[in-house]
N, C-alpha and C. Protein backbone atom coordinates (compact mmCIF):
# COMPACT_ATOMS: atom_id res chain seq x y z
N MET A 1 -35.41 12.16 48.36
CA MET A 1 -34.37 11.49 47.63
C MET A 1 -33.12 12.34 47.63
N SER A 2 -32.01 11.67 47.80
CA SER A 2 -30.75 12.38 47.84
C SER A 2 -30.11 12.33 46.45
N SER A 3 -30.09 13.44 45.77
CA SER A 3 -29.45 13.59 44.46
C SER A 3 -29.95 12.58 43.43
N ASN A 4 -31.21 12.23 43.50
CA ASN A 4 -31.83 11.35 42.50
C ASN A 4 -31.15 9.98 42.39
N VAL A 5 -30.69 9.41 43.46
CA VAL A 5 -30.09 8.09 43.39
C VAL A 5 -30.91 7.04 44.11
N GLY A 6 -32.09 7.37 44.53
CA GLY A 6 -32.96 6.38 45.15
C GLY A 6 -32.86 6.33 46.66
N LEU A 7 -32.02 7.14 47.24
CA LEU A 7 -31.90 7.19 48.69
C LEU A 7 -32.53 8.49 49.17
N SER A 8 -33.29 8.39 50.24
CA SER A 8 -33.85 9.63 50.78
C SER A 8 -32.75 10.44 51.46
N THR A 9 -31.82 9.74 52.05
CA THR A 9 -30.67 10.39 52.65
C THR A 9 -29.51 9.40 52.64
N PRO A 10 -28.28 9.86 52.53
CA PRO A 10 -27.15 8.93 52.54
C PRO A 10 -26.85 8.40 53.93
N ARG A 11 -27.56 8.90 54.92
CA ARG A 11 -27.32 8.52 56.30
C ARG A 11 -27.65 7.05 56.54
N GLY A 12 -26.70 6.32 57.08
CA GLY A 12 -26.93 4.91 57.40
C GLY A 12 -26.79 3.99 56.21
N SER A 13 -26.47 4.50 55.03
CA SER A 13 -26.38 3.65 53.84
C SER A 13 -24.96 3.15 53.60
N GLY A 14 -24.02 3.65 54.32
CA GLY A 14 -22.64 3.24 54.11
C GLY A 14 -21.99 3.95 52.95
N THR A 15 -22.66 4.97 52.42
CA THR A 15 -22.08 5.75 51.33
C THR A 15 -21.86 7.16 51.80
N SER A 16 -21.03 7.87 51.07
CA SER A 16 -20.77 9.26 51.43
C SER A 16 -21.81 10.19 50.84
N GLY A 17 -22.58 9.68 49.93
CA GLY A 17 -23.57 10.51 49.28
C GLY A 17 -23.05 11.16 48.01
N TYR A 18 -21.78 10.97 47.74
CA TYR A 18 -21.21 11.52 46.52
C TYR A 18 -21.67 10.69 45.33
N VAL A 19 -22.25 11.33 44.35
CA VAL A 19 -22.84 10.64 43.21
C VAL A 19 -21.93 10.82 41.99
N GLN A 20 -21.60 9.71 41.34
CA GLN A 20 -20.85 9.78 40.09
C GLN A 20 -21.46 8.80 39.10
N ARG A 21 -21.22 9.06 37.85
CA ARG A 21 -21.85 8.20 36.84
C ARG A 21 -21.08 6.89 36.69
N ASN A 22 -21.78 5.89 36.18
CA ASN A 22 -21.20 4.57 35.99
C ASN A 22 -20.46 4.56 34.66
N LEU A 23 -19.14 4.55 34.74
CA LEU A 23 -18.34 4.56 33.51
C LEU A 23 -18.26 3.19 32.87
N ALA A 24 -18.63 2.16 33.56
CA ALA A 24 -18.57 0.81 33.03
C ALA A 24 -19.81 0.47 32.19
N HIS A 25 -20.83 1.32 32.26
CA HIS A 25 -22.05 1.05 31.51
C HIS A 25 -21.81 1.29 30.03
N LEU A 26 -22.10 0.28 29.22
CA LEU A 26 -21.96 0.39 27.77
C LEU A 26 -23.31 0.66 27.15
N LYS A 27 -23.37 1.69 26.34
CA LYS A 27 -24.62 1.99 25.67
C LYS A 27 -24.82 0.99 24.54
N PRO A 28 -26.03 0.57 24.30
CA PRO A 28 -26.26 -0.37 23.19
C PRO A 28 -25.94 0.30 21.86
N ARG A 29 -25.33 -0.50 20.98
CA ARG A 29 -24.96 0.02 19.67
C ARG A 29 -26.18 0.19 18.80
N GLU A 30 -26.06 1.09 17.87
CA GLU A 30 -27.12 1.25 16.87
C GLU A 30 -27.08 0.06 15.92
N GLN A 31 -28.15 -0.20 15.27
CA GLN A 31 -28.20 -1.32 14.34
C GLN A 31 -27.60 -0.95 12.99
N PHE A 32 -27.21 0.30 12.82
CA PHE A 32 -26.60 0.74 11.57
C PHE A 32 -25.21 0.13 11.43
N LYS A 33 -24.92 -0.39 10.24
CA LYS A 33 -23.60 -0.94 9.96
C LYS A 33 -22.96 -0.10 8.86
N PRO A 34 -21.76 0.38 9.08
CA PRO A 34 -21.14 1.26 8.08
C PRO A 34 -20.61 0.53 6.86
N TYR A 35 -20.81 -0.77 6.78
CA TYR A 35 -20.30 -1.54 5.65
C TYR A 35 -21.46 -2.32 5.04
N PRO A 36 -21.40 -2.60 3.76
CA PRO A 36 -22.49 -3.36 3.13
C PRO A 36 -22.48 -4.81 3.60
N THR A 37 -23.67 -5.34 3.81
CA THR A 37 -23.77 -6.72 4.30
C THR A 37 -24.36 -7.66 3.26
N ASP A 38 -24.50 -7.20 2.04
CA ASP A 38 -25.04 -8.05 0.99
C ASP A 38 -24.11 -9.23 0.75
N GLY A 39 -24.68 -10.35 0.36
CA GLY A 39 -23.89 -11.55 0.12
C GLY A 39 -23.03 -11.46 -1.13
N ASP A 40 -23.43 -10.62 -2.08
CA ASP A 40 -22.68 -10.56 -3.33
C ASP A 40 -21.78 -9.32 -3.38
N LEU A 41 -20.89 -9.24 -2.43
CA LEU A 41 -19.91 -8.15 -2.42
C LEU A 41 -18.84 -8.44 -3.47
N LYS A 42 -18.47 -7.44 -4.21
CA LYS A 42 -17.42 -7.61 -5.20
C LYS A 42 -16.12 -7.06 -4.62
N HIS A 43 -15.09 -7.84 -4.77
CA HIS A 43 -13.78 -7.40 -4.28
C HIS A 43 -13.18 -6.43 -5.27
N ARG A 44 -12.84 -5.25 -4.78
CA ARG A 44 -12.18 -4.28 -5.63
C ARG A 44 -10.73 -4.14 -5.19
N GLN A 45 -9.84 -4.30 -6.12
CA GLN A 45 -8.41 -4.19 -5.84
C GLN A 45 -8.07 -2.73 -5.57
N ARG A 46 -7.30 -2.48 -4.52
CA ARG A 46 -6.87 -1.11 -4.23
C ARG A 46 -5.91 -0.66 -5.32
N GLN A 47 -6.23 0.48 -5.91
CA GLN A 47 -5.40 1.01 -6.98
C GLN A 47 -4.31 1.90 -6.39
N PRO A 48 -3.07 1.68 -6.77
CA PRO A 48 -1.99 2.52 -6.24
C PRO A 48 -2.01 3.90 -6.89
N ASP A 49 -1.56 4.88 -6.13
CA ASP A 49 -1.46 6.24 -6.64
C ASP A 49 -0.16 6.38 -7.42
N LYS A 50 -0.27 6.68 -8.70
CA LYS A 50 0.90 6.73 -9.58
C LYS A 50 1.87 7.83 -9.15
N GLU A 51 1.34 8.96 -8.68
CA GLU A 51 2.22 10.06 -8.28
C GLU A 51 3.07 9.68 -7.07
N ILE A 52 2.47 8.98 -6.13
CA ILE A 52 3.21 8.57 -4.94
C ILE A 52 4.27 7.55 -5.31
N LEU A 53 3.93 6.62 -6.20
CA LEU A 53 4.92 5.63 -6.64
C LEU A 53 6.09 6.32 -7.34
N GLU A 54 5.78 7.29 -8.21
CA GLU A 54 6.83 8.02 -8.92
C GLU A 54 7.70 8.80 -7.93
N HIS A 55 7.06 9.41 -6.94
CA HIS A 55 7.80 10.17 -5.93
C HIS A 55 8.75 9.26 -5.15
N ASP A 56 8.26 8.08 -4.75
CA ASP A 56 9.10 7.15 -4.00
C ASP A 56 10.29 6.67 -4.82
N ARG A 57 10.07 6.43 -6.11
CA ARG A 57 11.17 5.99 -6.97
C ARG A 57 12.23 7.09 -7.12
N LYS A 58 11.75 8.32 -7.32
CA LYS A 58 12.69 9.43 -7.43
C LYS A 58 13.42 9.66 -6.12
N ARG A 59 12.73 9.45 -5.02
CA ARG A 59 13.37 9.61 -3.71
C ARG A 59 14.48 8.58 -3.52
N GLU A 60 14.24 7.34 -3.95
CA GLU A 60 15.28 6.31 -3.87
C GLU A 60 16.51 6.71 -4.68
N VAL A 61 16.28 7.31 -5.86
CA VAL A 61 17.39 7.77 -6.69
C VAL A 61 18.18 8.85 -5.95
N GLU A 62 17.46 9.81 -5.37
CA GLU A 62 18.13 10.90 -4.67
C GLU A 62 18.87 10.40 -3.43
N VAL A 63 18.36 9.37 -2.77
CA VAL A 63 19.07 8.80 -1.62
C VAL A 63 20.40 8.21 -2.07
N LYS A 64 20.37 7.48 -3.18
CA LYS A 64 21.62 6.89 -3.70
C LYS A 64 22.61 7.98 -4.12
N VAL A 65 22.10 9.05 -4.73
CA VAL A 65 22.96 10.16 -5.15
C VAL A 65 23.57 10.82 -3.91
N PHE A 66 22.76 11.02 -2.88
CA PHE A 66 23.27 11.64 -1.66
C PHE A 66 24.34 10.76 -0.99
N GLU A 67 24.11 9.45 -1.00
CA GLU A 67 25.11 8.54 -0.43
C GLU A 67 26.44 8.64 -1.18
N LEU A 68 26.38 8.73 -2.52
CA LEU A 68 27.60 8.90 -3.30
C LEU A 68 28.28 10.22 -2.96
N ARG A 69 27.48 11.29 -2.89
CA ARG A 69 28.05 12.60 -2.55
C ARG A 69 28.72 12.56 -1.18
N ASP A 70 28.05 11.96 -0.22
CA ASP A 70 28.60 11.88 1.13
C ASP A 70 29.92 11.09 1.13
N ARG A 71 29.94 9.97 0.41
CA ARG A 71 31.15 9.16 0.35
C ARG A 71 32.31 9.93 -0.32
N LEU A 72 32.01 10.63 -1.42
CA LEU A 72 33.04 11.41 -2.11
C LEU A 72 33.56 12.54 -1.24
N GLU A 73 32.66 13.21 -0.52
CA GLU A 73 33.10 14.29 0.36
C GLU A 73 33.96 13.75 1.51
N ASP A 74 33.60 12.56 2.01
CA ASP A 74 34.42 11.95 3.07
C ASP A 74 35.81 11.61 2.54
N GLU A 75 35.88 11.10 1.32
CA GLU A 75 37.18 10.78 0.73
C GLU A 75 38.01 12.05 0.52
N GLU A 76 37.35 13.11 0.05
CA GLU A 76 38.05 14.39 -0.15
C GLU A 76 38.53 14.93 1.19
N TYR A 77 37.68 14.80 2.23
CA TYR A 77 38.06 15.28 3.55
C TYR A 77 39.25 14.48 4.09
N ALA A 78 39.24 13.18 3.83
CA ALA A 78 40.35 12.34 4.31
C ALA A 78 41.65 12.74 3.61
N THR A 79 41.59 12.97 2.30
CA THR A 79 42.81 13.40 1.60
C THR A 79 43.21 14.79 2.04
N LEU A 80 42.22 15.64 2.33
CA LEU A 80 42.50 17.00 2.81
C LEU A 80 43.21 16.94 4.15
N SER A 81 42.70 16.10 5.06
CA SER A 81 43.30 16.04 6.40
C SER A 81 44.74 15.50 6.33
N THR A 82 44.98 14.51 5.48
CA THR A 82 46.36 14.00 5.37
C THR A 82 47.26 15.05 4.74
N ALA A 83 46.75 15.80 3.76
CA ALA A 83 47.54 16.85 3.14
C ALA A 83 47.84 17.96 4.14
N LEU A 84 46.87 18.30 4.98
CA LEU A 84 47.09 19.34 6.00
C LEU A 84 48.11 18.88 7.03
N LEU A 85 48.08 17.61 7.40
CA LEU A 85 49.07 17.10 8.35
C LEU A 85 50.47 17.19 7.75
N ARG A 86 50.61 16.82 6.49
CA ARG A 86 51.92 16.92 5.83
C ARG A 86 52.38 18.38 5.77
N GLN A 87 51.41 19.26 5.46
CA GLN A 87 51.72 20.67 5.36
C GLN A 87 52.24 21.21 6.70
N ARG A 88 51.59 20.84 7.78
CA ARG A 88 52.00 21.30 9.09
C ARG A 88 53.38 20.75 9.47
N MET A 89 53.59 19.49 9.07
CA MET A 89 54.88 18.90 9.39
C MET A 89 55.99 19.61 8.61
N MET A 90 55.71 20.02 7.41
CA MET A 90 56.74 20.67 6.59
C MET A 90 56.73 22.18 6.77
N ARG A 91 55.76 22.70 7.49
CA ARG A 91 55.61 24.13 7.71
C ARG A 91 55.42 24.90 6.40
N LEU A 92 54.69 24.28 5.49
CA LEU A 92 54.39 24.93 4.22
C LEU A 92 53.01 25.56 4.32
N THR A 93 52.77 26.55 3.52
CA THR A 93 51.45 27.16 3.48
C THR A 93 50.93 27.10 2.05
N TRP A 94 49.91 26.30 1.84
CA TRP A 94 49.23 26.25 0.55
C TRP A 94 47.77 25.85 0.80
N ASP A 95 46.90 26.24 -0.08
CA ASP A 95 45.46 26.05 0.09
C ASP A 95 45.01 24.78 -0.65
N TYR A 96 44.32 23.91 0.10
CA TYR A 96 43.79 22.69 -0.50
C TYR A 96 42.29 22.68 -0.23
N SER A 97 41.45 22.69 -1.26
CA SER A 97 40.00 22.72 -1.08
C SER A 97 39.37 21.50 -1.77
N VAL A 98 38.16 21.17 -1.31
CA VAL A 98 37.43 20.03 -1.87
C VAL A 98 36.98 20.40 -3.29
N ASP A 99 37.17 19.49 -4.23
CA ASP A 99 36.82 19.74 -5.62
C ASP A 99 35.32 19.50 -5.80
N GLU A 100 34.52 20.55 -5.62
CA GLU A 100 33.05 20.46 -5.71
C GLU A 100 32.60 20.13 -7.13
N ASP A 101 33.29 20.65 -8.13
CA ASP A 101 32.88 20.41 -9.51
C ASP A 101 32.95 18.94 -9.87
N GLU A 102 33.99 18.27 -9.43
CA GLU A 102 34.13 16.84 -9.72
C GLU A 102 33.04 16.03 -9.02
N ILE A 103 32.74 16.40 -7.79
CA ILE A 103 31.67 15.71 -7.05
C ILE A 103 30.33 15.92 -7.74
N GLU A 104 30.06 17.16 -8.18
CA GLU A 104 28.80 17.44 -8.89
C GLU A 104 28.70 16.64 -10.18
N GLU A 105 29.79 16.53 -10.92
CA GLU A 105 29.77 15.76 -12.17
C GLU A 105 29.45 14.30 -11.91
N GLN A 106 30.08 13.72 -10.89
CA GLN A 106 29.84 12.31 -10.59
C GLN A 106 28.41 12.07 -10.10
N THR A 107 27.91 12.96 -9.25
CA THR A 107 26.54 12.77 -8.75
C THR A 107 25.53 12.97 -9.87
N ASP A 108 25.75 13.95 -10.75
CA ASP A 108 24.83 14.15 -11.88
C ASP A 108 24.84 12.95 -12.81
N ALA A 109 26.01 12.38 -13.03
CA ALA A 109 26.10 11.20 -13.91
C ALA A 109 25.33 10.03 -13.28
N LEU A 110 25.49 9.83 -11.98
CA LEU A 110 24.76 8.74 -11.30
C LEU A 110 23.26 9.00 -11.34
N ARG A 111 22.84 10.26 -11.12
CA ARG A 111 21.42 10.60 -11.14
C ARG A 111 20.83 10.30 -12.52
N LYS A 112 21.52 10.71 -13.58
CA LYS A 112 21.02 10.46 -14.95
C LYS A 112 20.94 8.97 -15.23
N LYS A 113 21.93 8.22 -14.80
CA LYS A 113 21.95 6.78 -15.02
C LYS A 113 20.78 6.11 -14.31
N LEU A 114 20.55 6.48 -13.04
CA LEU A 114 19.48 5.86 -12.26
C LEU A 114 18.11 6.25 -12.79
N LEU A 115 17.94 7.51 -13.21
CA LEU A 115 16.66 7.93 -13.77
C LEU A 115 16.37 7.23 -15.09
N ALA A 116 17.41 7.04 -15.91
CA ALA A 116 17.22 6.31 -17.18
C ALA A 116 16.85 4.86 -16.89
N GLU A 117 17.49 4.28 -15.90
CA GLU A 117 17.17 2.89 -15.52
C GLU A 117 15.74 2.80 -14.99
N MET A 118 15.31 3.82 -14.25
CA MET A 118 13.95 3.85 -13.72
C MET A 118 12.94 3.95 -14.86
N GLU A 119 13.25 4.76 -15.88
CA GLU A 119 12.36 4.90 -17.03
C GLU A 119 12.23 3.59 -17.80
N ARG A 120 13.32 2.83 -17.89
CA ARG A 120 13.28 1.53 -18.59
C ARG A 120 12.52 0.50 -17.78
N GLY A 121 12.30 0.76 -16.51
CA GLY A 121 11.56 -0.19 -15.69
C GLY A 121 12.44 -1.08 -14.86
N GLY A 122 13.70 -0.82 -14.81
CA GLY A 122 14.60 -1.64 -14.01
C GLY A 122 14.53 -1.26 -12.54
N GLY A 123 15.03 -2.15 -11.72
CA GLY A 123 15.09 -1.86 -10.29
C GLY A 123 13.77 -2.03 -9.57
N ARG A 124 12.82 -2.69 -10.17
CA ARG A 124 11.54 -2.91 -9.51
C ARG A 124 11.70 -4.00 -8.47
N ARG A 125 11.07 -3.79 -7.34
CA ARG A 125 11.16 -4.78 -6.27
C ARG A 125 9.89 -5.61 -6.23
N ASP A 126 10.00 -6.78 -5.65
CA ASP A 126 8.81 -7.59 -5.46
C ASP A 126 8.25 -7.30 -4.07
N ALA A 127 7.11 -7.90 -3.75
CA ALA A 127 6.40 -7.59 -2.51
C ALA A 127 7.17 -8.05 -1.28
N ARG A 128 8.09 -8.98 -1.43
CA ARG A 128 8.81 -9.48 -0.25
C ARG A 128 9.71 -8.42 0.35
N GLY A 129 10.22 -7.51 -0.45
CA GLY A 129 11.13 -6.49 0.06
C GLY A 129 10.42 -5.25 0.57
N LEU A 130 9.10 -5.24 0.57
CA LEU A 130 8.35 -4.05 0.96
C LEU A 130 7.92 -4.11 2.42
N LYS A 131 7.75 -2.95 3.01
CA LYS A 131 7.29 -2.83 4.39
C LYS A 131 5.78 -2.64 4.39
N SER A 132 5.17 -2.82 5.54
CA SER A 132 3.71 -2.73 5.61
C SER A 132 3.20 -1.31 5.41
N HIS A 133 4.03 -0.29 5.64
CA HIS A 133 3.58 1.09 5.46
C HIS A 133 3.65 1.53 4.01
N GLN A 134 4.23 0.74 3.14
CA GLN A 134 4.33 1.08 1.72
C GLN A 134 3.11 0.52 0.99
N VAL A 135 1.95 1.10 1.29
CA VAL A 135 0.69 0.54 0.79
C VAL A 135 0.56 0.64 -0.72
N HIS A 136 1.06 1.70 -1.32
CA HIS A 136 0.92 1.85 -2.77
C HIS A 136 1.82 0.87 -3.51
N GLU A 137 3.02 0.67 -3.00
CA GLU A 137 3.91 -0.30 -3.61
C GLU A 137 3.36 -1.72 -3.45
N LEU A 138 2.78 -1.99 -2.28
CA LEU A 138 2.18 -3.31 -2.05
C LEU A 138 0.99 -3.53 -2.98
N ALA A 139 0.18 -2.48 -3.18
CA ALA A 139 -0.97 -2.61 -4.08
C ALA A 139 -0.51 -2.86 -5.51
N GLU A 140 0.54 -2.16 -5.93
CA GLU A 140 1.07 -2.37 -7.28
C GLU A 140 1.61 -3.79 -7.44
N ALA A 141 2.33 -4.27 -6.43
CA ALA A 141 2.87 -5.64 -6.48
C ALA A 141 1.73 -6.66 -6.48
N LYS A 142 0.66 -6.40 -5.73
CA LYS A 142 -0.48 -7.32 -5.69
C LYS A 142 -1.18 -7.38 -7.03
N ILE A 143 -1.32 -6.25 -7.69
CA ILE A 143 -1.95 -6.22 -9.02
C ILE A 143 -1.11 -7.02 -10.01
N LYS A 144 0.20 -6.83 -9.97
CA LYS A 144 1.08 -7.58 -10.88
C LYS A 144 1.01 -9.07 -10.59
N GLU A 145 0.98 -9.43 -9.31
CA GLU A 145 0.88 -10.83 -8.93
C GLU A 145 -0.44 -11.43 -9.42
N SER A 146 -1.53 -10.68 -9.27
CA SER A 146 -2.84 -11.15 -9.74
C SER A 146 -2.85 -11.34 -11.25
N ASP A 147 -2.23 -10.41 -11.97
CA ASP A 147 -2.16 -10.53 -13.43
C ASP A 147 -1.37 -11.76 -13.84
N ARG A 148 -0.23 -12.00 -13.17
CA ARG A 148 0.57 -13.19 -13.48
C ARG A 148 -0.22 -14.47 -13.19
N PHE A 149 -0.92 -14.47 -12.06
CA PHE A 149 -1.70 -15.65 -11.68
C PHE A 149 -2.84 -15.88 -12.67
N ARG A 150 -3.51 -14.77 -13.06
CA ARG A 150 -4.63 -14.88 -14.00
C ARG A 150 -4.14 -15.40 -15.34
N SER A 151 -3.00 -14.91 -15.81
CA SER A 151 -2.49 -15.38 -17.10
C SER A 151 -2.01 -16.83 -17.02
N ALA A 152 -1.48 -17.24 -15.85
CA ALA A 152 -1.04 -18.62 -15.69
C ALA A 152 -2.22 -19.59 -15.74
N LEU A 153 -3.36 -19.16 -15.21
CA LEU A 153 -4.55 -20.01 -15.22
C LEU A 153 -5.38 -19.85 -16.49
N GLY A 154 -5.03 -18.88 -17.32
CA GLY A 154 -5.76 -18.68 -18.57
C GLY A 154 -7.10 -18.00 -18.37
N ILE A 155 -7.21 -17.15 -17.37
CA ILE A 155 -8.45 -16.43 -17.09
C ILE A 155 -8.37 -15.08 -17.79
N SER A 156 -9.44 -14.70 -18.48
CA SER A 156 -9.43 -13.42 -19.19
C SER A 156 -9.62 -12.28 -18.20
N LYS A 157 -9.23 -11.06 -18.63
CA LYS A 157 -9.31 -9.90 -17.75
C LYS A 157 -10.75 -9.46 -17.52
N ASP A 158 -11.64 -9.76 -18.48
CA ASP A 158 -13.03 -9.33 -18.33
C ASP A 158 -13.90 -10.40 -17.66
N TYR A 159 -13.28 -11.37 -17.04
CA TYR A 159 -14.02 -12.44 -16.35
C TYR A 159 -14.74 -11.86 -15.14
N GLU A 160 -16.01 -12.24 -14.99
CA GLU A 160 -16.79 -11.83 -13.83
C GLU A 160 -17.00 -13.04 -12.94
N GLU A 161 -16.91 -12.80 -11.67
CA GLU A 161 -17.09 -13.89 -10.71
C GLU A 161 -18.53 -14.39 -10.77
N GLY A 162 -18.71 -15.69 -10.89
CA GLY A 162 -20.05 -16.28 -10.94
C GLY A 162 -20.63 -16.36 -12.33
N SER A 163 -19.92 -15.93 -13.35
CA SER A 163 -20.47 -15.95 -14.70
C SER A 163 -20.66 -17.39 -15.19
N HIS A 164 -19.85 -18.31 -14.70
CA HIS A 164 -19.99 -19.72 -15.08
C HIS A 164 -21.36 -20.25 -14.66
N TRP A 165 -21.79 -19.89 -13.45
CA TRP A 165 -23.08 -20.37 -12.96
C TRP A 165 -24.22 -19.76 -13.77
N ARG A 166 -24.09 -18.51 -14.16
CA ARG A 166 -25.13 -17.88 -14.99
C ARG A 166 -25.25 -18.60 -16.34
N LYS A 167 -24.09 -18.94 -16.92
CA LYS A 167 -24.12 -19.64 -18.20
C LYS A 167 -24.79 -21.01 -18.06
N GLN A 168 -24.48 -21.69 -16.96
CA GLN A 168 -25.12 -23.00 -16.74
C GLN A 168 -26.63 -22.86 -16.58
N GLU A 169 -27.07 -21.84 -15.83
CA GLU A 169 -28.51 -21.62 -15.66
C GLU A 169 -29.18 -21.30 -16.98
N GLU A 170 -28.53 -20.50 -17.83
CA GLU A 170 -29.10 -20.16 -19.13
C GLU A 170 -29.23 -21.41 -20.01
N LYS A 171 -28.20 -22.27 -20.00
CA LYS A 171 -28.27 -23.51 -20.78
C LYS A 171 -29.38 -24.40 -20.27
N LEU A 172 -29.53 -24.49 -18.96
CA LEU A 172 -30.59 -25.31 -18.38
C LEU A 172 -31.96 -24.78 -18.80
N ARG A 173 -32.14 -23.46 -18.74
CA ARG A 173 -33.40 -22.85 -19.15
C ARG A 173 -33.68 -23.12 -20.63
N GLU A 174 -32.66 -22.98 -21.46
CA GLU A 174 -32.83 -23.25 -22.89
C GLU A 174 -33.22 -24.70 -23.12
N ASN A 175 -32.57 -25.63 -22.42
CA ASN A 175 -32.90 -27.05 -22.58
C ASN A 175 -34.33 -27.33 -22.13
N LEU A 176 -34.75 -26.70 -21.02
CA LEU A 176 -36.13 -26.88 -20.56
C LEU A 176 -37.13 -26.34 -21.58
N GLU A 177 -36.79 -25.17 -22.16
CA GLU A 177 -37.69 -24.60 -23.17
C GLU A 177 -37.77 -25.51 -24.39
N LYS A 178 -36.62 -26.04 -24.82
CA LYS A 178 -36.61 -26.94 -25.97
C LYS A 178 -37.42 -28.19 -25.68
N SER A 179 -37.22 -28.77 -24.50
CA SER A 179 -37.97 -30.00 -24.17
C SER A 179 -39.46 -29.70 -24.03
N GLY A 180 -39.79 -28.52 -23.51
CA GLY A 180 -41.20 -28.13 -23.40
C GLY A 180 -41.82 -27.96 -24.77
N LYS A 181 -41.09 -27.36 -25.71
CA LYS A 181 -41.60 -27.17 -27.07
C LYS A 181 -41.76 -28.50 -27.77
N GLU A 182 -40.82 -29.42 -27.54
CA GLU A 182 -40.92 -30.74 -28.16
C GLU A 182 -42.12 -31.51 -27.62
N GLU A 183 -42.37 -31.39 -26.31
CA GLU A 183 -43.53 -32.06 -25.72
C GLU A 183 -44.82 -31.51 -26.30
N LYS A 184 -44.88 -30.18 -26.48
CA LYS A 184 -46.07 -29.56 -27.06
C LYS A 184 -46.25 -30.05 -28.50
N ARG A 185 -45.17 -30.13 -29.25
CA ARG A 185 -45.24 -30.56 -30.63
C ARG A 185 -45.71 -32.01 -30.71
N VAL A 186 -45.21 -32.85 -29.82
CA VAL A 186 -45.62 -34.26 -29.80
C VAL A 186 -47.11 -34.36 -29.44
N LYS A 187 -47.55 -33.59 -28.46
CA LYS A 187 -48.98 -33.60 -28.08
C LYS A 187 -49.85 -33.08 -29.21
N ASP A 188 -49.39 -32.06 -29.91
CA ASP A 188 -50.17 -31.50 -31.02
C ASP A 188 -50.27 -32.49 -32.16
N GLU A 189 -49.25 -33.27 -32.40
CA GLU A 189 -49.27 -34.24 -33.48
C GLU A 189 -50.20 -35.40 -33.16
N GLU A 190 -50.41 -35.70 -31.94
CA GLU A 190 -51.27 -36.82 -31.58
C GLU A 190 -52.67 -36.47 -31.68
């Protein structure tokens, strides 16, 4: 046999004798399933991470503050450039610098205002404005939507799925027991 492939020699077989494994062969899967297959699976709502949500909200505040800072610095630069042009035209020498203190005051005021608004709960977005990678925000929006839907339908928070059927079965059992006791009582009286 030539290299354990069933040929005594590659001569006359139309092959070169080079042996390689079959990459197209699929090994049979194990019967193990990594997920539960029971019929009574309970749906658990994904809980959002509060720290990540808080971080994202603070990040949005800082983005707005940075945009304000950038805009103010651009305005200062524009006034600086026009002042420098006038200075060169008049051949005057005087120093004009960006007023950092004023910019800091305005950005701090905006930051405090936005953080106070965030604490009050304002500026919350609904699920339509969220992207698919914002899983924690989507989970929070889904929980709020479920709560609104549950309250609109008058369903209590401690409701268990299928509890209605259990109650019906218990009533049926009780009725059967009552009718059985009545039949025994009627037979005993006779």
